[in-house]
Amino acid sequence: MCIDESCIGVVVPDGRCKECGKPFEGFEYQTVDTTATNVSPKNDPDVEEMTASKPDTDWESRTLCIDESCIGVVGPDGRCKECGLAYEKNE
């Protein structure tokens, strides 16, 4: 993942973010062996443990941006973390 928390990019083999181009210092590209045939999420106890745990309460209590074209969520300051639009409750 990119070192810039506001960026959605990933670091590519040249050590830079594919989205914004920022360099990732100390980056070592690692390849993953995709030919392993004995690895299955169905048989992995770690995956079973993660899926059996309780749902993340932060995820359930988030407030989405009021702009329907925005993908952001409202932060503790009452503004969307993505576009900065202020959240106004319609009561």
PDB file of N, CA and C in Angstrom:
ATOM      1  N   MET A   1       0.835  -1.173   0.000  1.00  0.00           N
ATOM      2  CA  MET A   1       0.000   0.000   0.000  1.00  0.00           C
ATOM      3  C   MET A   1       0.890   1.249   0.000  1.00  0.00           C
ATOM      4  N   CYS A   2       0.357   2.292  -0.563  1.00  0.00           N
ATOM      5  CA  CYS A   2       1.077   3.568  -0.621  1.00  0.00           C
ATOM      6  C   CYS A   2       1.304   4.115   0.788  1.00  0.00           C
ATOM      7  N   ILE A   3       2.407   4.838   0.978  1.00  0.00           N
ATOM      8  CA  ILE A   3       2.698   5.423   2.290  1.00  0.00           C
ATOM      9  C   ILE A   3       1.806   6.623   2.584  1.00  0.00           C
ATOM     10  N   ASP A   4       1.200   7.216   1.557  1.00  0.00           N
ATOM     11  CA  ASP A   4       0.286   8.341   1.725  1.00  0.00           C
ATOM     12  C   ASP A   4      -1.085   7.779   2.082  1.00  0.00           C
ATOM     13  N   GLU A   5      -1.545   8.020   3.303  1.00  0.00           N
ATOM     14  CA  GLU A   5      -2.796   7.438   3.772  1.00  0.00           C
ATOM     15  C   GLU A   5      -4.021   7.893   2.989  1.00  0.00           C
ATOM     16  N   SER A   6      -3.914   8.986   2.256  1.00  0.00           N
ATOM     17  CA  SER A   6      -5.057   9.450   1.478  1.00  0.00           C
ATOM     18  C   SER A   6      -5.043   8.891   0.056  1.00  0.00           C
ATOM     19  N   CYS A   7      -4.034   8.094  -0.275  1.00  0.00           N
ATOM     20  CA  CYS A   7      -3.907   7.513  -1.607  1.00  0.00           C
ATOM     21  C   CYS A   7      -4.413   6.073  -1.602  1.00  0.00           C
ATOM     22  N   ILE A   8      -4.994   5.643  -2.696  1.00  0.00           N
ATOM     23  CA  ILE A   8      -5.513   4.278  -2.797  1.00  0.00           C
ATOM     24  C   ILE A   8      -4.586   3.362  -3.583  1.00  0.00           C
ATOM     25  N   GLY A   9      -3.407   3.864  -3.924  1.00  0.00           N
ATOM     26  CA  GLY A   9      -2.481   3.111  -4.767  1.00  0.00           C
ATOM     27  C   GLY A   9      -1.713   2.025  -4.034  1.00  0.00           C
ATOM     28  N   VAL A  10      -1.057   1.196  -4.827  1.00  0.00           N
ATOM     29  CA  VAL A  10      -0.190   0.148  -4.309  1.00  0.00           C
ATOM     30  C   VAL A  10       1.208   0.347  -4.884  1.00  0.00           C
ATOM     31  N   VAL A  11       2.199  -0.142  -4.154  1.00  0.00           N
ATOM     32  CA  VAL A  11       3.581  -0.015  -4.582  1.00  0.00           C
ATOM     33  C   VAL A  11       3.883  -1.096  -5.613  1.00  0.00           C
ATOM     34  N   VAL A  12       4.490  -0.698  -6.719  1.00  0.00           N
ATOM     35  CA  VAL A  12       4.829  -1.625  -7.804  1.00  0.00           C
ATOM     36  C   VAL A  12       6.314  -1.980  -7.717  1.00  0.00           C
ATOM     37  N   PRO A  13       6.773  -2.943  -8.533  1.00  0.00           N
ATOM     38  CA  PRO A  13       8.159  -3.422  -8.425  1.00  0.00           C
ATOM     39  C   PRO A  13       9.244  -2.349  -8.460  1.00  0.00           C
ATOM     40  N   ASP A  14       8.996  -1.196  -9.061  1.00  0.00           N
ATOM     41  CA  ASP A  14      10.042  -0.166  -9.095  1.00  0.00           C
ATOM     42  C   ASP A  14      10.143   0.612  -7.779  1.00  0.00           C
ATOM     43  N   GLY A  15       9.283   0.285  -6.791  1.00  0.00           N
ATOM     44  CA  GLY A  15       9.343   0.925  -5.483  1.00  0.00           C
ATOM     45  C   GLY A  15       8.555   2.203  -5.370  1.00  0.00           C
ATOM     46  N   ARG A  16       7.711   2.489  -6.342  1.00  0.00           N
ATOM     47  CA  ARG A  16       6.880   3.697  -6.320  1.00  0.00           C
ATOM     48  C   ARG A  16       5.410   3.318  -6.326  1.00  0.00           C
ATOM     49  N   CYS A  17       4.580   4.232  -5.820  1.00  0.00           N
ATOM     50  CA  CYS A  17       3.139   4.019  -5.833  1.00  0.00           C
ATOM     51  C   CYS A  17       2.640   4.085  -7.274  1.00  0.00           C
ATOM     52  N   LYS A  18       1.828   3.128  -7.650  1.00  0.00           N
ATOM     53  CA  LYS A  18       1.296   3.072  -9.005  1.00  0.00           C
ATOM     54  C   LYS A  18       0.324   4.227  -9.267  1.00  0.00           C
ATOM     55  N   GLU A  19      -0.309   4.737  -8.218  1.00  0.00           N
ATOM     56  CA  GLU A  19      -1.324   5.772  -8.358  1.00  0.00           C
ATOM     57  C   GLU A  19      -0.732   7.182  -8.339  1.00  0.00           C
ATOM     58  N   CYS A  20       0.056   7.495  -7.311  1.00  0.00           N
ATOM     59  CA  CYS A  20       0.548   8.869  -7.154  1.00  0.00           C
ATOM     60  C   CYS A  20       2.039   9.025  -7.434  1.00  0.00           C
ATOM     61  N   GLY A  21       2.776   7.918  -7.521  1.00  0.00           N
ATOM     62  CA  GLY A  21       4.183   7.972  -7.862  1.00  0.00           C
ATOM     63  C   GLY A  21       5.140   8.212  -6.703  1.00  0.00           C
ATOM     64  N   LYS A  22       4.621   8.313  -5.478  1.00  0.00           N
ATOM     65  CA  LYS A  22       5.496   8.553  -4.334  1.00  0.00           C
ATOM     66  C   LYS A  22       6.413   7.348  -4.119  1.00  0.00           C
ATOM     67  N   PRO A  23       7.702   7.611  -3.821  1.00  0.00           N
ATOM     68  CA  PRO A  23       8.632   6.495  -3.571  1.00  0.00           C
ATOM     69  C   PRO A  23       8.385   5.883  -2.202  1.00  0.00           C
ATOM     70  N   PHE A  24       8.597   4.601  -2.106  1.00  0.00           N
ATOM     71  CA  PHE A  24       8.458   3.882  -0.857  1.00  0.00           C
ATOM     72  C   PHE A  24       9.852   3.453  -0.430  1.00  0.00           C
ATOM     73  N   GLU A  25      10.451   4.168   0.536  1.00  0.00           N
ATOM     74  CA  GLU A  25      11.825   3.906   0.956  1.00  0.00           C
ATOM     75  C   GLU A  25      11.919   2.562   1.676  1.00  0.00           C
ATOM     76  N   GLY A  26      12.979   1.826   1.383  1.00  0.00           N
ATOM     77  CA  GLY A  26      13.195   0.536   2.020  1.00  0.00           C
ATOM     78  C   GLY A  26      12.322  -0.559   1.430  1.00  0.00           C
ATOM     79  N   PHE A  27      11.783  -0.314   0.258  1.00  0.00           N
ATOM     80  CA  PHE A  27      10.879  -1.281  -0.374  1.00  0.00           C
ATOM     81  C   PHE A  27      11.651  -2.447  -0.969  1.00  0.00           C
ATOM     82  N   GLU A  28      11.182  -3.640  -0.677  1.00  0.00           N
ATOM     83  CA  GLU A  28      11.725  -4.845  -1.296  1.00  0.00           C
ATOM     84  C   GLU A  28      10.557  -5.600  -1.904  1.00  0.00           C
ATOM     85  N   TYR A  29      10.564  -5.717  -3.210  1.00  0.00           N
ATOM     86  CA  TYR A  29       9.473  -6.389  -3.901  1.00  0.00           C
ATOM     87  C   TYR A  29       9.543  -7.885  -3.635  1.00  0.00           C
ATOM     88  N   GLN A  30       8.422  -8.456  -3.234  1.00  0.00           N
ATOM     89  CA  GLN A  30       8.360  -9.886  -2.958  1.00  0.00           C
ATOM     90  C   GLN A  30       7.338 -10.520  -3.887  1.00  0.00           C
ATOM     91  N   THR A  31       7.720 -11.638  -4.457  1.00  0.00           N
ATOM     92  CA  THR A  31       6.777 -12.357  -5.307  1.00  0.00           C
ATOM     93  C   THR A  31       6.078 -13.419  -4.485  1.00  0.00           C
ATOM     94  N   VAL A  32       4.894 -13.765  -4.902  1.00  0.00           N
ATOM     95  CA  VAL A  32       4.104 -14.773  -4.209  1.00  0.00           C
ATOM     96  C   VAL A  32       3.993 -15.989  -5.110  1.00  0.00           C
ATOM     97  N   ASP A  33       4.240 -17.162  -4.544  1.00  0.00           N
ATOM     98  CA  ASP A  33       4.120 -18.399  -5.299  1.00  0.00           C
ATOM     99  C   ASP A  33       2.643 -18.753  -5.432  1.00  0.00           C
ATOM    100  N   THR A  34       2.103 -18.591  -6.618  1.00  0.00           N
ATOM    101  CA  THR A  34       0.687 -18.876  -6.850  1.00  0.00           C
ATOM    102  C   THR A  34       0.457 -20.298  -7.329  1.00  0.00           C
ATOM    103  N   THR A  35       1.506 -21.103  -7.369  1.00  0.00           N
ATOM    104  CA  THR A  35       1.354 -22.474  -7.843  1.00  0.00           C
ATOM    105  C   THR A  35       1.065 -23.447  -6.719  1.00  0.00           C
ATOM    106  N   ALA A  36       1.051 -22.982  -5.472  1.00  0.00           N
ATOM    107  CA  ALA A  36       0.780 -23.882  -4.353  1.00  0.00           C
ATOM    108  C   ALA A  36      -0.641 -24.416  -4.464  1.00  0.00           C
ATOM    109  N   THR A  37      -0.769 -25.719  -4.422  1.00  0.00           N
ATOM    110  CA  THR A  37      -2.082 -26.335  -4.594  1.00  0.00           C
ATOM    111  C   THR A  37      -2.706 -26.793  -3.287  1.00  0.00           C
ATOM    112  N   ASN A  38      -1.926 -26.872  -2.225  1.00  0.00           N
ATOM    113  CA  ASN A  38      -2.475 -27.360  -0.965  1.00  0.00           C
ATOM    114  C   ASN A  38      -2.992 -26.242  -0.064  1.00  0.00           C
ATOM    115  N   VAL A  39      -2.992 -25.006  -0.530  1.00  0.00           N
ATOM    116  CA  VAL A  39      -3.477 -23.890   0.261  1.00  0.00           C
ATOM    117  C   VAL A  39      -4.923 -23.614  -0.135  1.00  0.00           C
ATOM    118  N   SER A  40      -5.798 -23.695   0.845  1.00  0.00           N
ATOM    119  CA  SER A  40      -7.208 -23.449   0.593  1.00  0.00           C
ATOM    120  C   SER A  40      -7.784 -22.677   1.767  1.00  0.00           C
ATOM    121  N   PRO A  41      -8.470 -21.563   1.525  1.00  0.00           N
ATOM    122  CA  PRO A  41      -9.072 -20.814   2.620  1.00  0.00           C
ATOM    123  C   PRO A  41     -10.060 -21.655   3.426  1.00  0.00           C
ATOM    124  N   LYS A  42     -10.673 -22.639   2.783  1.00  0.00           N
ATOM    125  CA  LYS A  42     -11.637 -23.481   3.484  1.00  0.00           C
ATOM    126  C   LYS A  42     -10.964 -24.321   4.560  1.00  0.00           C
ATOM    127  N   ASN A  43      -9.713 -24.695   4.354  1.00  0.00           N
ATOM    128  CA  ASN A  43      -9.006 -25.548   5.299  1.00  0.00           C
ATOM    129  C   ASN A  43      -8.048 -24.791   6.201  1.00  0.00           C
ATOM    130  N   ASP A  44      -7.968 -23.499   6.072  1.00  0.00           N
ATOM    131  CA  ASP A  44      -7.026 -22.695   6.842  1.00  0.00           C
ATOM    132  C   ASP A  44      -7.670 -22.285   8.163  1.00  0.00           C
ATOM    133  N   PRO A  45      -7.124 -22.742   9.313  1.00  0.00           N
ATOM    134  CA  PRO A  45      -7.734 -22.401  10.598  1.00  0.00           C
ATOM    135  C   PRO A  45      -7.697 -20.905  10.897  1.00  0.00           C
ATOM    136  N   ASP A  46      -6.696 -20.183  10.393  1.00  0.00           N
ATOM    137  CA  ASP A  46      -6.638 -18.744  10.626  1.00  0.00           C
ATOM    138  C   ASP A  46      -7.785 -18.023   9.935  1.00  0.00           C
ATOM    139  N   VAL A  47      -8.135 -18.450   8.734  1.00  0.00           N
ATOM    140  CA  VAL A  47      -9.249 -17.840   8.007  1.00  0.00           C
ATOM    141  C   VAL A  47     -10.559 -18.149   8.717  1.00  0.00           C
ATOM    142  N   GLU A  48     -10.717 -19.374   9.198  1.00  0.00           N
ATOM    143  CA  GLU A  48     -11.933 -19.741   9.914  1.00  0.00           C
ATOM    144  C   GLU A  48     -12.082 -18.919  11.188  1.00  0.00           C
ATOM    145  N   GLU A  49     -10.966 -18.689  11.890  1.00  0.00           N
ATOM    146  CA  GLU A  49     -11.005 -17.917  13.126  1.00  0.00           C
ATOM    147  C   GLU A  49     -11.399 -16.471  12.844  1.00  0.00           C
ATOM    148  N   MET A  50     -10.878 -15.896  11.760  1.00  0.00           N
ATOM    149  CA  MET A  50     -11.192 -14.514  11.413  1.00  0.00           C
ATOM    150  C   MET A  50     -12.658 -14.360  11.030  1.00  0.00           C
ATOM    151  N   THR A  51     -13.207 -15.306  10.301  1.00  0.00           N
ATOM    152  CA  THR A  51     -14.590 -15.179   9.855  1.00  0.00           C
ATOM    153  C   THR A  51     -15.573 -15.492  10.968  1.00  0.00           C
ATOM    154  N   ALA A  52     -15.145 -16.238  11.983  1.00  0.00           N
ATOM    155  CA  ALA A  52     -16.037 -16.596  13.075  1.00  0.00           C
ATOM    156  C   ALA A  52     -16.105 -15.511  14.140  1.00  0.00           C
ATOM    157  N   SER A  53     -15.184 -14.566  14.127  1.00  0.00           N
ATOM    158  CA  SER A  53     -15.164 -13.526  15.149  1.00  0.00           C
ATOM    159  C   SER A  53     -16.303 -12.541  14.935  1.00  0.00           C
ATOM    160  N   LYS A  54     -16.564 -11.741  15.969  1.00  0.00           N
ATOM    161  CA  LYS A  54     -17.660 -10.775  15.894  1.00  0.00           C
ATOM    162  C   LYS A  54     -17.374  -9.698  14.853  1.00  0.00           C
ATOM    163  N   PRO A  55     -18.393  -9.103  14.266  1.00  0.00           N
ATOM    164  CA  PRO A  55     -18.178  -8.061  13.257  1.00  0.00           C
ATOM    165  C   PRO A  55     -17.540  -6.825  13.881  1.00  0.00           C
ATOM    166  N   ASP A  56     -16.824  -6.096  13.061  1.00  0.00           N
ATOM    167  CA  ASP A  56     -16.149  -4.881  13.499  1.00  0.00           C
ATOM    168  C   ASP A  56     -17.193  -3.801  13.776  1.00  0.00           C
ATOM    169  N   THR A  57     -17.264  -3.339  15.020  1.00  0.00           N
ATOM    170  CA  THR A  57     -18.279  -2.351  15.386  1.00  0.00           C
ATOM    171  C   THR A  57     -18.032  -1.003  14.722  1.00  0.00           C
ATOM    172  N   ASP A  58     -16.772  -0.665  14.448  1.00  0.00           N
ATOM    173  CA  ASP A  58     -16.488   0.590  13.761  1.00  0.00           C
ATOM    174  C   ASP A  58     -17.111   0.594  12.371  1.00  0.00           C
ATOM    175  N   TRP A  59     -17.059  -0.540  11.701  1.00  0.00           N
ATOM    176  CA  TRP A  59     -17.610  -0.662  10.354  1.00  0.00           C
ATOM    177  C   TRP A  59     -19.122  -0.441  10.385  1.00  0.00           C
ATOM    178  N   GLU A  60     -19.790  -1.015  11.383  1.00  0.00           N
ATOM    179  CA  GLU A  60     -21.249  -0.924  11.484  1.00  0.00           C
ATOM    180  C   GLU A  60     -21.721   0.475  11.890  1.00  0.00           C
ATOM    181  N   SER A  61     -20.893   1.231  12.608  1.00  0.00           N
ATOM    182  CA  SER A  61     -21.339   2.526  13.113  1.00  0.00           C
ATOM    183  C   SER A  61     -20.844   3.707  12.284  1.00  0.00           C
ATOM    184  N   ARG A  62     -20.268   3.466  11.132  1.00  0.00           N
ATOM    185  CA  ARG A  62     -19.747   4.562  10.325  1.00  0.00           C
ATOM    186  C   ARG A  62     -20.897   5.365   9.705  1.00  0.00           C
ATOM    187  N   THR A  63     -20.621   6.615   9.411  1.00  0.00           N
ATOM    188  CA  THR A  63     -21.598   7.491   8.764  1.00  0.00           C
ATOM    189  C   THR A  63     -21.053   7.845   7.393  1.00  0.00           C
ATOM    190  N   LEU A  64     -21.804   7.527   6.371  1.00  0.00           N
ATOM    191  CA  LEU A  64     -21.368   7.785   5.007  1.00  0.00           C
ATOM    192  C   LEU A  64     -21.555   9.249   4.638  1.00  0.00           C
ATOM    193  N   CYS A  65     -20.761   9.709   3.696  1.00  0.00           N
ATOM    194  CA  CYS A  65     -20.858  11.075   3.191  1.00  0.00           C
ATOM    195  C   CYS A  65     -22.251  11.300   2.609  1.00  0.00           C
ATOM    196  N   ILE A  66     -22.769  12.526   2.778  1.00  0.00           N
ATOM    197  CA  ILE A  66     -24.107  12.817   2.262  1.00  0.00           C
ATOM    198  C   ILE A  66     -24.114  12.994   0.744  1.00  0.00           C
ATOM    199  N   ASP A  67     -22.951  13.196   0.146  1.00  0.00           N
ATOM    200  CA  ASP A  67     -22.839  13.289  -1.308  1.00  0.00           C
ATOM    201  C   ASP A  67     -22.838  11.869  -1.865  1.00  0.00           C
ATOM    202  N   GLU A  68     -23.881  11.480  -2.547  1.00  0.00           N
ATOM    203  CA  GLU A  68     -24.026  10.102  -3.019  1.00  0.00           C
ATOM    204  C   GLU A  68     -22.988   9.695  -4.055  1.00  0.00           C
ATOM    205  N   SER A  69     -22.281  10.658  -4.638  1.00  0.00           N
ATOM    206  CA  SER A  69     -21.237  10.323  -5.599  1.00  0.00           C
ATOM    207  C   SER A  69     -19.873  10.172  -4.931  1.00  0.00           C
ATOM    208  N   CYS A  70     -19.820  10.381  -3.612  1.00  0.00           N
ATOM    209  CA  CYS A  70     -18.567  10.296  -2.856  1.00  0.00           C
ATOM    210  C   CYS A  70     -18.490   8.952  -2.137  1.00  0.00           C
ATOM    211  N   ILE A  71     -17.262   8.428  -1.987  1.00  0.00           N
ATOM    212  CA  ILE A  71     -17.072   7.145  -1.316  1.00  0.00           C
ATOM    213  C   ILE A  71     -16.602   7.312   0.127  1.00  0.00           C
ATOM    214  N   GLY A  72     -16.550   8.535   0.629  1.00  0.00           N
ATOM    215  CA  GLY A  72     -15.990   8.820   1.943  1.00  0.00           C
ATOM    216  C   GLY A  72     -16.931   8.544   3.096  1.00  0.00           C
ATOM    217  N   VAL A  73     -16.341   8.591   4.295  1.00  0.00           N
ATOM    218  CA  VAL A  73     -17.098   8.480   5.538  1.00  0.00           C
ATOM    219  C   VAL A  73     -16.829   9.722   6.373  1.00  0.00           C
ATOM    220  N   VAL A  74     -17.775  10.054   7.251  1.00  0.00           N
ATOM    221  CA  VAL A  74     -17.666  11.242   8.078  1.00  0.00           C
ATOM    222  C   VAL A  74     -16.732  10.959   9.241  1.00  0.00           C
ATOM    223  N   GLY A  75     -15.789  11.864   9.465  1.00  0.00           N
ATOM    224  CA  GLY A  75     -14.817  11.720  10.538  1.00  0.00           C
ATOM    225  C   GLY A  75     -15.304  12.375  11.818  1.00  0.00           C
ATOM    226  N   PRO A  76     -14.474  12.332  12.864  1.00  0.00           N
ATOM    227  CA  PRO A  76     -14.862  12.898  14.155  1.00  0.00           C
ATOM    228  C   PRO A  76     -15.094  14.410  14.118  1.00  0.00           C
ATOM    229  N   ASP A  77     -14.564  15.079  13.103  1.00  0.00           N
ATOM    230  CA  ASP A  77     -14.760  16.522  12.989  1.00  0.00           C
ATOM    231  C   ASP A  77     -16.072  16.879  12.294  1.00  0.00           C
ATOM    232  N   GLY A  78     -16.859  15.870  11.896  1.00  0.00           N
ATOM    233  CA  GLY A  78     -18.139  16.124  11.246  1.00  0.00           C
ATOM    234  C   GLY A  78     -18.038  16.369   9.757  1.00  0.00           C
ATOM    235  N   ARG A  79     -16.860  16.140   9.185  1.00  0.00           N
ATOM    236  CA  ARG A  79     -16.647  16.334   7.751  1.00  0.00           C
ATOM    237  C   ARG A  79     -16.249  15.017   7.108  1.00  0.00           C
ATOM    238  N   CYS A  80     -16.580  14.883   5.824  1.00  0.00           N
ATOM    239  CA  CYS A  80     -16.206  13.705   5.059  1.00  0.00           C
ATOM    240  C   CYS A  80     -14.689  13.645   4.941  1.00  0.00           C
ATOM    241  N   LYS A  81     -14.119  12.474   5.209  1.00  0.00           N
ATOM    242  CA  LYS A  81     -12.661  12.312   5.133  1.00  0.00           C
ATOM    243  C   LYS A  81     -12.166  12.337   3.694  1.00  0.00           C
ATOM    244  N   GLU A  82     -13.038  12.099   2.735  1.00  0.00           N
ATOM    245  CA  GLU A  82     -12.648  12.041   1.324  1.00  0.00           C
ATOM    246  C   GLU A  82     -12.783  13.410   0.642  1.00  0.00           C
ATOM    247  N   CYS A  83     -13.965  14.033   0.744  1.00  0.00           N
ATOM    248  CA  CYS A  83     -14.201  15.277  -0.004  1.00  0.00           C
ATOM    249  C   CYS A  83     -14.279  16.519   0.873  1.00  0.00           C
ATOM    250  N   GLY A  84     -14.410  16.349   2.202  1.00  0.00           N
ATOM    251  CA  GLY A  84     -14.440  17.479   3.118  1.00  0.00           C
ATOM    252  C   GLY A  84     -15.815  18.093   3.334  1.00  0.00           C
ATOM    253  N   LEU A  85     -16.851  17.533   2.723  1.00  0.00           N
ATOM    254  CA  LEU A  85     -18.201  18.060   2.860  1.00  0.00           C
ATOM    255  C   LEU A  85     -18.691  17.877   4.297  1.00  0.00           C
ATOM    256  N   ALA A  86     -19.292  18.925   4.864  1.00  0.00           N
ATOM    257  CA  ALA A  86     -19.807  18.850   6.234  1.00  0.00           C
ATOM    258  C   ALA A  86     -21.069  17.989   6.268  1.00  0.00           C
ATOM    259  N   TYR A  87     -21.187  17.168   7.292  1.00  0.00           N
ATOM    260  CA  TYR A  87     -22.351  16.318   7.459  1.00  0.00           C
ATOM    261  C   TYR A  87     -23.437  17.085   8.172  1.00  0.00           C
ATOM    262  N   GLU A  88     -24.618  17.127   7.582  1.00  0.00           N
ATOM    263  CA  GLU A  88     -25.742  17.821   8.188  1.00  0.00           C
ATOM    264  C   GLU A  88     -26.833  16.799   8.439  1.00  0.00           C
ATOM    265  N   LYS A  89     -27.208  16.646   9.719  1.00  0.00           N
ATOM    266  CA  LYS A  89     -28.263  15.692  10.075  1.00  0.00           C
ATOM    267  C   LYS A  89     -29.603  16.271   9.663  1.00  0.00           C
ATOM    268  N   ASN A  90     -30.415  15.453   9.014  1.00  0.00           N
ATOM    269  CA  ASN A  90     -31.778  15.849   8.628  1.00  0.00           C
ATOM    270  C   ASN A  90     -32.736  15.213   9.614  1.00  0.00           C
ATOM    271  N   GLU A  91     -33.152  15.973  10.607  1.00  0.00           N
ATOM    272  CA  GLU A  91     -34.025  15.428  11.634  1.00  0.00           C
ATOM    273  C   GLU A  91     -35.399  15.992  11.531  1.00  0.00           C
TER     274      GLU A  91
END
